[in-house]
Amino acid sequence: MAMYDRLASEWRDERMQSLERLEGFREVDDALIGDGIELLDLARKAHRTFVLQSPSDKINVLKLLLSNCTWANGELTVEFREPFAMLEKISPGASAFSAPTGGSEAGCPNWLPE
């Protein structure tokens, strides 16, 4: 009987600790979902916000977002830093950044929100 009581008490304590840890995971998940929504909202507004910035602020934003950018033969190639690379991957037409010779944007799909 004493062994049963001791084991039952240990298992109850272990169950309670597991439930507390599980609740902690739920709280973290809610925070991550909120952060993800805010990031997507920021991405949606990024173009409008970017055009209003000063040239030095634009440079700082581009340094934050991009790495390994090149311009060759009328084609711009960029690599987004993480976690921004994820947004490029999920955005339709995002990888088509090339402009035809002469600088026209006619061949470049605008994947930024209006």
N, C-alpha and C. Protein backbone atom coordinates (compact mmCIF):
# COMPACT_ATOMS: atom_id res chain seq x y z
N MET A 1 0.82 -1.20 0.00
CA MET A 1 0.00 0.00 0.00
C MET A 1 0.87 1.27 0.00
N ALA A 2 1.92 1.28 0.80
CA ALA A 2 2.81 2.44 0.88
C ALA A 2 3.50 2.67 -0.47
N MET A 3 3.90 1.57 -1.11
CA MET A 3 4.55 1.70 -2.43
C MET A 3 3.57 2.26 -3.45
N TYR A 4 2.34 1.78 -3.41
CA TYR A 4 1.31 2.28 -4.32
C TYR A 4 1.09 3.78 -4.11
N ASP A 5 0.96 4.20 -2.88
CA ASP A 5 0.74 5.62 -2.57
C ASP A 5 1.91 6.47 -3.04
N ARG A 6 3.13 5.97 -2.82
CA ARG A 6 4.32 6.71 -3.25
C ARG A 6 4.36 6.84 -4.77
N LEU A 7 4.15 5.74 -5.50
CA LEU A 7 4.17 5.78 -6.97
C LEU A 7 3.03 6.64 -7.52
N ALA A 8 1.86 6.52 -6.95
CA ALA A 8 0.72 7.31 -7.40
C ALA A 8 1.01 8.80 -7.20
N SER A 9 1.61 9.15 -6.09
CA SER A 9 1.96 10.55 -5.81
C SER A 9 3.00 11.05 -6.80
N GLU A 10 4.02 10.23 -7.09
CA GLU A 10 5.05 10.62 -8.06
C GLU A 10 4.44 10.82 -9.45
N TRP A 11 3.55 9.92 -9.83
CA TRP A 11 2.94 10.02 -11.17
C TRP A 11 2.02 11.23 -11.27
N ARG A 12 1.31 11.53 -10.17
CA ARG A 12 0.46 12.74 -10.17
C ARG A 12 1.33 14.00 -10.32
N ASP A 13 2.44 14.03 -9.57
CA ASP A 13 3.35 15.18 -9.67
C ASP A 13 3.92 15.29 -11.08
N GLU A 14 4.33 14.16 -11.64
CA GLU A 14 4.88 14.17 -12.99
C GLU A 14 3.83 14.62 -14.01
N ARG A 15 2.61 14.15 -13.84
CA ARG A 15 1.52 14.56 -14.73
C ARG A 15 1.28 16.07 -14.62
N MET A 16 1.27 16.59 -13.41
CA MET A 16 1.06 18.02 -13.20
C MET A 16 2.17 18.84 -13.83
N GLN A 17 3.41 18.41 -13.68
CA GLN A 17 4.53 19.11 -14.31
C GLN A 17 4.42 19.08 -15.82
N SER A 18 4.00 17.94 -16.37
CA SER A 18 3.83 17.84 -17.83
C SER A 18 2.74 18.77 -18.32
N LEU A 19 1.63 18.85 -17.60
CA LEU A 19 0.55 19.75 -17.98
C LEU A 19 0.99 21.21 -17.91
N GLU A 20 1.80 21.57 -16.91
CA GLU A 20 2.32 22.93 -16.80
C GLU A 20 3.25 23.26 -17.96
N ARG A 21 4.11 22.30 -18.33
CA ARG A 21 5.00 22.52 -19.48
C ARG A 21 4.20 22.66 -20.76
N LEU A 22 3.17 21.83 -20.92
CA LEU A 22 2.31 21.89 -22.10
C LEU A 22 1.63 23.26 -22.20
N GLU A 23 1.16 23.77 -21.10
CA GLU A 23 0.53 25.10 -21.09
C GLU A 23 1.54 26.17 -21.47
N GLY A 24 2.78 26.01 -21.02
CA GLY A 24 3.83 26.95 -21.40
C GLY A 24 4.08 26.94 -22.90
N PHE A 25 4.02 25.76 -23.51
CA PHE A 25 4.17 25.66 -24.97
C PHE A 25 3.03 26.36 -25.69
N ARG A 26 1.83 26.23 -25.17
CA ARG A 26 0.68 26.89 -25.79
C ARG A 26 0.85 28.41 -25.78
N GLU A 27 1.34 28.93 -24.67
CA GLU A 27 1.56 30.38 -24.58
C GLU A 27 2.61 30.83 -25.57
N VAL A 28 3.68 30.07 -25.72
CA VAL A 28 4.73 30.40 -26.68
C VAL A 28 4.17 30.36 -28.09
N ASP A 29 3.39 29.33 -28.40
CA ASP A 29 2.78 29.21 -29.73
C ASP A 29 1.93 30.43 -30.05
N ASP A 30 1.12 30.89 -29.09
CA ASP A 30 0.29 32.07 -29.32
C ASP A 30 1.15 33.30 -29.61
N ALA A 31 2.25 33.44 -28.89
CA ALA A 31 3.15 34.57 -29.11
C ALA A 31 3.78 34.50 -30.50
N LEU A 32 4.19 33.30 -30.91
CA LEU A 32 4.79 33.14 -32.23
C LEU A 32 3.79 33.42 -33.34
N ILE A 33 2.57 33.00 -33.16
CA ILE A 33 1.54 33.28 -34.16
C ILE A 33 1.31 34.78 -34.26
N GLY A 34 1.25 35.45 -33.14
CA GLY A 34 1.10 36.92 -33.15
C GLY A 34 2.26 37.60 -33.85
N ASP A 35 3.47 37.14 -33.57
CA ASP A 35 4.65 37.71 -34.24
C ASP A 35 4.60 37.46 -35.74
N GLY A 36 4.18 36.27 -36.13
CA GLY A 36 4.07 35.95 -37.55
C GLY A 36 3.06 36.83 -38.26
N ILE A 37 1.94 37.08 -37.62
CA ILE A 37 0.91 37.95 -38.20
C ILE A 37 1.45 39.37 -38.35
N GLU A 38 2.15 39.85 -37.33
CA GLU A 38 2.73 41.19 -37.41
C GLU A 38 3.77 41.28 -38.52
N LEU A 39 4.58 40.23 -38.69
CA LEU A 39 5.58 40.22 -39.75
C LEU A 39 4.92 40.27 -41.12
N LEU A 40 3.87 39.49 -41.31
CA LEU A 40 3.16 39.51 -42.60
C LEU A 40 2.50 40.86 -42.85
N ASP A 41 1.96 41.47 -41.81
CA ASP A 41 1.35 42.80 -41.96
C ASP A 41 2.42 43.83 -42.32
N LEU A 42 3.58 43.73 -41.69
CA LEU A 42 4.69 44.62 -42.02
C LEU A 42 5.12 44.43 -43.47
N ALA A 43 5.20 43.18 -43.91
CA ALA A 43 5.57 42.91 -45.30
C ALA A 43 4.53 43.48 -46.27
N ARG A 44 3.26 43.40 -45.90
CA ARG A 44 2.20 43.92 -46.75
C ARG A 44 2.32 45.44 -46.92
N LYS A 45 2.76 46.11 -45.88
CA LYS A 45 2.87 47.58 -45.90
C LYS A 45 4.27 48.07 -46.28
N ALA A 46 5.19 47.15 -46.52
CA ALA A 46 6.59 47.51 -46.68
C ALA A 46 6.83 48.49 -47.83
N HIS A 47 6.20 48.28 -48.96
CA HIS A 47 6.45 49.15 -50.11
C HIS A 47 6.02 50.58 -49.81
N ARG A 48 4.82 50.75 -49.28
CA ARG A 48 4.33 52.10 -48.95
C ARG A 48 5.22 52.78 -47.93
N THR A 49 5.68 52.04 -46.95
CA THR A 49 6.55 52.59 -45.91
C THR A 49 7.92 52.93 -46.48
N PHE A 50 8.46 52.05 -47.31
CA PHE A 50 9.80 52.21 -47.86
C PHE A 50 9.92 53.49 -48.69
N VAL A 51 8.93 53.77 -49.55
CA VAL A 51 9.04 54.94 -50.43
C VAL A 51 9.02 56.25 -49.66
N LEU A 52 8.53 56.24 -48.44
CA LEU A 52 8.49 57.46 -47.62
C LEU A 52 9.77 57.71 -46.84
N GLN A 53 10.68 56.73 -46.82
CA GLN A 53 11.90 56.85 -46.02
C GLN A 53 12.94 57.72 -46.71
N SER A 54 13.86 58.25 -45.91
CA SER A 54 14.99 59.00 -46.45
C SER A 54 15.95 58.02 -47.14
N PRO A 55 16.83 58.52 -48.03
CA PRO A 55 17.78 57.61 -48.69
C PRO A 55 18.63 56.81 -47.70
N SER A 56 19.09 57.42 -46.62
CA SER A 56 19.92 56.66 -45.67
C SER A 56 19.10 55.59 -44.96
N ASP A 57 17.84 55.87 -44.65
CA ASP A 57 16.98 54.85 -44.04
C ASP A 57 16.69 53.72 -45.02
N LYS A 58 16.53 54.06 -46.30
CA LYS A 58 16.31 53.03 -47.31
C LYS A 58 17.52 52.09 -47.39
N ILE A 59 18.71 52.66 -47.34
CA ILE A 59 19.93 51.85 -47.37
C ILE A 59 19.97 50.91 -46.17
N ASN A 60 19.62 51.42 -44.99
CA ASN A 60 19.63 50.59 -43.78
C ASN A 60 18.62 49.44 -43.89
N VAL A 61 17.45 49.73 -44.43
CA VAL A 61 16.43 48.69 -44.61
C VAL A 61 16.92 47.63 -45.58
N LEU A 62 17.51 48.07 -46.70
CA LEU A 62 18.01 47.11 -47.68
C LEU A 62 19.13 46.25 -47.11
N LYS A 63 19.99 46.85 -46.28
CA LYS A 63 21.06 46.07 -45.64
C LYS A 63 20.47 45.02 -44.69
N LEU A 64 19.38 45.35 -44.05
CA LEU A 64 18.71 44.42 -43.15
C LEU A 64 18.06 43.26 -43.92
N LEU A 65 17.45 43.57 -45.06
CA LEU A 65 16.68 42.59 -45.82
C LEU A 65 17.50 41.74 -46.76
N LEU A 66 18.52 42.34 -47.40
CA LEU A 66 19.17 41.71 -48.54
C LEU A 66 20.64 41.40 -48.30
N SER A 67 21.13 40.43 -49.07
CA SER A 67 22.56 40.14 -49.11
C SER A 67 22.90 39.65 -50.51
N ASN A 68 24.15 39.78 -50.90
CA ASN A 68 24.63 39.26 -52.19
C ASN A 68 23.82 39.77 -53.38
N CYS A 69 23.62 41.07 -53.48
CA CYS A 69 22.88 41.64 -54.61
C CYS A 69 23.84 41.95 -55.75
N THR A 70 23.39 41.63 -56.98
CA THR A 70 24.20 41.94 -58.16
C THR A 70 23.30 42.46 -59.27
N TRP A 71 23.88 43.30 -60.13
CA TRP A 71 23.20 43.81 -61.32
C TRP A 71 24.12 43.51 -62.49
N ALA A 72 23.65 42.67 -63.40
CA ALA A 72 24.47 42.32 -64.57
C ALA A 72 23.56 42.08 -65.76
N ASN A 73 23.91 42.71 -66.88
CA ASN A 73 23.17 42.53 -68.13
C ASN A 73 21.67 42.81 -67.97
N GLY A 74 21.36 43.87 -67.26
CA GLY A 74 19.96 44.25 -67.08
C GLY A 74 19.18 43.35 -66.13
N GLU A 75 19.88 42.56 -65.35
CA GLU A 75 19.20 41.64 -64.43
C GLU A 75 19.67 41.87 -63.00
N LEU A 76 18.71 42.10 -62.12
CA LEU A 76 19.00 42.26 -60.70
C LEU A 76 18.82 40.91 -60.02
N THR A 77 19.84 40.49 -59.31
CA THR A 77 19.76 39.25 -58.55
C THR A 77 19.96 39.60 -57.08
N VAL A 78 19.02 39.15 -56.25
CA VAL A 78 19.10 39.44 -54.82
C VAL A 78 18.90 38.16 -54.03
N GLU A 79 19.44 38.17 -52.84
CA GLU A 79 19.18 37.11 -51.86
C GLU A 79 18.68 37.80 -50.61
N PHE A 80 17.55 37.35 -50.14
CA PHE A 80 17.00 37.89 -48.90
C PHE A 80 17.63 37.19 -47.71
N ARG A 81 17.87 37.94 -46.66
CA ARG A 81 18.33 37.35 -45.41
C ARG A 81 17.14 36.66 -44.74
N GLU A 82 17.43 35.72 -43.87
CA GLU A 82 16.37 35.08 -43.09
C GLU A 82 15.90 36.06 -42.03
N PRO A 83 14.65 36.12 -41.69
CA PRO A 83 13.54 35.28 -42.12
C PRO A 83 12.83 35.80 -43.38
N PHE A 84 13.37 36.85 -43.99
CA PHE A 84 12.72 37.48 -45.12
C PHE A 84 12.73 36.59 -46.37
N ALA A 85 13.70 35.69 -46.44
CA ALA A 85 13.77 34.77 -47.58
C ALA A 85 12.51 33.92 -47.64
N MET A 86 11.93 33.64 -46.48
CA MET A 86 10.70 32.86 -46.43
C MET A 86 9.58 33.59 -47.19
N LEU A 87 9.50 34.89 -47.04
CA LEU A 87 8.45 35.67 -47.71
C LEU A 87 8.62 35.62 -49.22
N GLU A 88 9.86 35.63 -49.68
CA GLU A 88 10.10 35.53 -51.12
C GLU A 88 9.63 34.18 -51.64
N LYS A 89 9.88 33.13 -50.89
CA LYS A 89 9.53 31.78 -51.32
C LYS A 89 8.02 31.59 -51.41
N ILE A 90 7.26 32.23 -50.54
CA ILE A 90 5.81 32.02 -50.55
C ILE A 90 5.07 33.02 -51.41
N SER A 91 5.78 33.99 -51.98
CA SER A 91 5.14 35.01 -52.80
C SER A 91 5.19 34.62 -54.26
N PRO A 92 4.04 34.51 -54.95
CA PRO A 92 4.06 34.12 -56.35
C PRO A 92 4.82 35.11 -57.22
N GLY A 93 5.71 34.62 -58.07
CA GLY A 93 6.47 35.46 -58.98
C GLY A 93 7.58 36.23 -58.34
N ALA A 94 7.89 35.96 -57.09
CA ALA A 94 8.89 36.75 -56.38
C ALA A 94 10.29 36.58 -56.93
N SER A 95 10.58 35.45 -57.54
CA SER A 95 11.94 35.21 -58.00
C SER A 95 12.24 35.89 -59.34
N ALA A 96 11.24 36.49 -59.97
CA ALA A 96 11.45 37.11 -61.28
C ALA A 96 11.75 38.59 -61.10
N PHE A 97 13.01 38.92 -60.83
CA PHE A 97 13.41 40.30 -60.60
C PHE A 97 14.11 40.91 -61.80
N SER A 98 14.20 40.23 -62.92
CA SER A 98 14.99 40.75 -64.02
C SER A 98 14.22 41.78 -64.81
N ALA A 99 14.91 42.82 -65.23
CA ALA A 99 14.32 43.86 -66.06
C ALA A 99 14.91 43.75 -67.45
N PRO A 100 14.11 43.93 -68.50
CA PRO A 100 14.65 43.88 -69.85
C PRO A 100 15.67 44.99 -70.07
N THR A 101 16.51 44.83 -71.06
CA THR A 101 17.51 45.84 -71.39
C THR A 101 16.82 47.17 -71.63
N GLY A 102 17.38 48.22 -71.12
CA GLY A 102 16.79 49.54 -71.27
C GLY A 102 16.12 50.00 -69.99
N GLY A 103 16.04 49.14 -69.00
CA GLY A 103 15.55 49.54 -67.70
C GLY A 103 14.04 49.54 -67.55
N SER A 104 13.30 49.10 -68.55
CA SER A 104 11.86 49.05 -68.43
C SER A 104 11.45 48.02 -67.40
N GLU A 105 10.37 48.28 -66.70
CA GLU A 105 9.90 47.33 -65.72
C GLU A 105 8.79 46.47 -66.28
N ALA A 106 8.53 46.51 -67.58
CA ALA A 106 7.42 45.79 -68.17
C ALA A 106 7.51 44.29 -67.95
N GLY A 107 8.72 43.74 -67.92
CA GLY A 107 8.87 42.30 -67.75
C GLY A 107 8.98 41.85 -66.31
N CYS A 108 8.87 42.76 -65.37
CA CYS A 108 9.04 42.42 -63.97
C CYS A 108 7.69 42.35 -63.27
N PRO A 109 7.28 41.19 -62.81
CA PRO A 109 6.02 41.15 -62.08
C PRO A 109 6.18 41.89 -60.75
N ASN A 110 5.15 42.61 -60.39
CA ASN A 110 5.16 43.32 -59.12
C ASN A 110 4.56 42.42 -58.06
N TRP A 111 5.40 41.79 -57.25
CA TRP A 111 4.91 40.87 -56.24
C TRP A 111 4.62 41.57 -54.92
N LEU A 112 4.89 42.88 -54.86
CA LEU A 112 4.58 43.63 -53.66
C LEU A 112 3.10 43.97 -53.63
N PRO A 113 2.49 43.99 -52.47
CA PRO A 113 1.08 44.34 -52.37
C PRO A 113 0.84 45.77 -52.80
N GLU A 114 -0.31 46.02 -53.35
CA GLU A 114 -0.69 47.38 -53.78
C GLU A 114 -1.05 48.22 -52.58
